[in-house]
C-alpha atoms as a PDB file:
ATOM      1  CA  MET A   1      39.258  17.002   8.841  1.00  0.00           C
ATOM      2  CA  LYS A   2      42.309  14.005   9.037  1.00  0.00           C
ATOM      3  CA  PRO A   3      45.052  14.348   6.585  1.00  0.00           C
ATOM      4  CA  GLY A   4      44.706  12.501   3.802  1.00  0.00           C
ATOM      5  CA  ARG A   5      41.000  11.949   3.340  1.00  0.00           C
ATOM      6  CA  GLY A   6      40.926  14.193   0.733  1.00  0.00           C
ATOM      7  CA  THR A   7      43.085  12.235  -1.449  1.00  0.00           C
ATOM      8  CA  ALA A   8      40.853   8.835  -0.873  1.00  0.00           C
ATOM      9  CA  SER A   9      37.675  10.790  -1.345  1.00  0.00           C
ATOM     10  CA  ILE A  10      39.021  12.111  -4.280  1.00  0.00           C
ATOM     11  CA  ARG A  11      40.334   8.378  -5.291  1.00  0.00           C
ATOM     12  CA  ASN A  12      36.548   7.155  -4.823  1.00  0.00           C
ATOM     13  CA  LEU A  13      35.147   9.827  -7.311  1.00  0.00           C
ATOM     14  CA  VAL A  14      37.658   8.465  -9.706  1.00  0.00           C
ATOM     15  CA  PHE A  15      37.161   4.701  -9.513  1.00  0.00           C
ATOM     16  CA  ASP A  16      33.518   4.817  -8.982  1.00  0.00           C
ATOM     17  CA  GLU A  17      31.433   2.821 -11.583  1.00  0.00           C
ATOM     18  CA  GLY A  18      28.048   4.229 -10.325  1.00  0.00           C
ATOM     19  CA  GLY A  19      26.839   6.196 -13.343  1.00  0.00           C
ATOM     20  CA  GLN A  20      29.032   4.040 -16.022  1.00  0.00           C
ATOM     21  CA  ALA A  21      25.412   2.339 -16.846  1.00  0.00           C
ATOM     22  CA  ILE A  22      23.112   5.089 -17.478  1.00  0.00           C
ATOM     23  CA  THR A  23      26.148   6.684 -19.499  1.00  0.00           C
ATOM     24  CA  GLU A  24      26.238   3.347 -21.632  1.00  0.00           C
ATOM     25  CA  TYR A  25      22.515   3.840 -21.817  1.00  0.00           C
ATOM     26  CA  ILE A  26      22.353   7.263 -22.839  1.00  0.00           C
ATOM     27  CA  LEU A  27      25.428   7.033 -25.507  1.00  0.00           C
ATOM     28  CA  LEU A  28      24.101   3.709 -26.857  1.00  0.00           C
ATOM     29  CA  LEU A  29      20.384   5.928 -27.559  1.00  0.00           C
ATOM     30  CA  SER A  30      22.258   8.756 -29.157  1.00  0.00           C
ATOM     31  CA  ILE A  31      23.939   6.774 -31.497  1.00  0.00           C
ATOM     32  CA  CYS A  32      20.922   4.888 -32.369  1.00  0.00           C
ATOM     33  CA  VAL A  33      18.650   8.087 -32.697  1.00  0.00           C
ATOM     34  CA  VAL A  34      21.875   9.341 -34.966  1.00  0.00           C
ATOM     35  CA  GLY A  35      21.573   6.351 -37.008  1.00  0.00           C
ATOM     36  CA  ALA A  36      17.441   6.444 -37.295  1.00  0.00           C
ATOM     37  CA  ALA A  37      17.817  10.126 -38.595  1.00  0.00           C
ATOM     38  CA  ALA A  38      20.245   8.826 -41.150  1.00  0.00           C
ATOM     39  CA  LEU A  39      18.017   6.243 -41.840  1.00  0.00           C
ATOM     40  CA  MET A  40      14.887   8.689 -42.201  1.00  0.00           C
ATOM     41  CA  ARG A  41      16.539  10.852 -44.659  1.00  0.00           C
ATOM     42  CA  GLY A  42      17.381   7.919 -46.800  1.00  0.00           C
ATOM     43  CA  ILE A  43      13.987   6.614 -46.869  1.00  0.00           C
ATOM     44  CA  ILE A  44      12.218  10.135 -47.364  1.00  0.00           C
ATOM     45  CA  GLN A  45      14.866  11.134 -50.414  1.00  0.00           C
ATOM     46  CA  ALA A  46      14.035   8.068 -51.866  1.00  0.00           C
ATOM     47  CA  ILE A  47      10.265   8.764 -51.680  1.00  0.00           C
ATOM     48  CA  ASP A  48      10.586  12.070 -52.453  1.00  0.00           C
ATOM     49  CA  LYS A  49      12.507  10.879 -55.797  1.00  0.00           C
ATOM     50  CA  GLY A  50       9.820   8.418 -56.527  1.00  0.00           C
ATOM     51  CA  ILE A  51       7.316  11.324 -55.939  1.00  0.00           C
ATOM     52  CA  LEU A  52       8.600  13.441 -58.416  1.00  0.00           C
ATOM     53  CA  ARG A  53       8.772  11.063 -60.991  1.00  0.00           C
ATOM     54  CA  LEU A  54       5.569  10.113 -61.154  1.00  0.00           C
ATOM     55  CA  GLY A  55       4.434  13.877 -60.828  1.00  0.00           C
ATOM     56  CA  GLY A  56       6.456  14.328 -64.136  1.00  0.00           C
ATOM     57  CA  GLN A  57       4.703  11.093 -65.390  1.00  0.00           C
ATOM     58  CA  LEU A  58       1.393  12.566 -65.160  1.00  0.00           C
ATOM     59  CA  GLU A  59       2.114  15.658 -65.711  1.00  0.00           C
ATOM     60  CA  LYS A  60       3.446  14.460 -69.499  1.00  0.00           C
ATOM     61  CA  ASP A  61       0.289  12.239 -69.589  1.00  0.00           C
ATOM     62  CA  LEU A  62      -1.907  15.058 -68.997  1.00  0.00           C
ATOM     63  CA  ARG A  63      -0.266  17.380 -71.184  1.00  0.00           C
ATOM     64  CA  THR A  64       0.087  14.692 -74.135  1.00  0.00           C
ATOM     65  CA  GLY A  65      -3.979  13.330 -73.012  1.00  0.00           C
ATOM     66  CA  ARG A  66      -2.511  10.246 -73.543  1.00  0.00           C
ATOM     67  CA  ALA A  67      -0.978   7.235 -71.184  1.00  0.00           C
ATOM     68  CA  PRO A  68       1.666   4.903 -73.135  1.00  0.00           C
ATOM     69  CA  ILE A  69       0.470   1.903 -73.782  1.00  0.00           C
ATOM     70  CA  ASP A  70       1.662  -0.810 -71.714  1.00  0.00           C
ATOM     71  CA  ILE A  71       1.241   1.384 -68.790  1.00  0.00           C
ATOM     72  CA  TRP A  72      -1.878  -1.197 -67.377  1.00  0.00           C
ATOM     73  CA  LYS A  73       0.006  -4.381 -68.566  1.00  0.00           C
ATOM     74  CA  ASN A  74       0.377  -7.057 -66.087  1.00  0.00           C
END
C-alpha cells in the first residue's frame, strides 16, 4: 500500500455523492407517507364524528317513533 492512499479513499468516500439522489427520494417518500397518514387520521376522525351523530339521531328518532318535520325538506 502506498503512503497517503488511505486518506484519499476516505476523502473520496466523504465527498462521494453517488447515493444522494436515492437518499433524497427516500426522505421525500417518508415525508409524503407521514403527511398522508396525518391527513387520513383527520379524515377518519371527521367521518367517525359524523357517523356517531347520525347514529345518535337515528336512535332518538327510533326511540320517539317520529322524525323531525323538516327532515325531508329541500
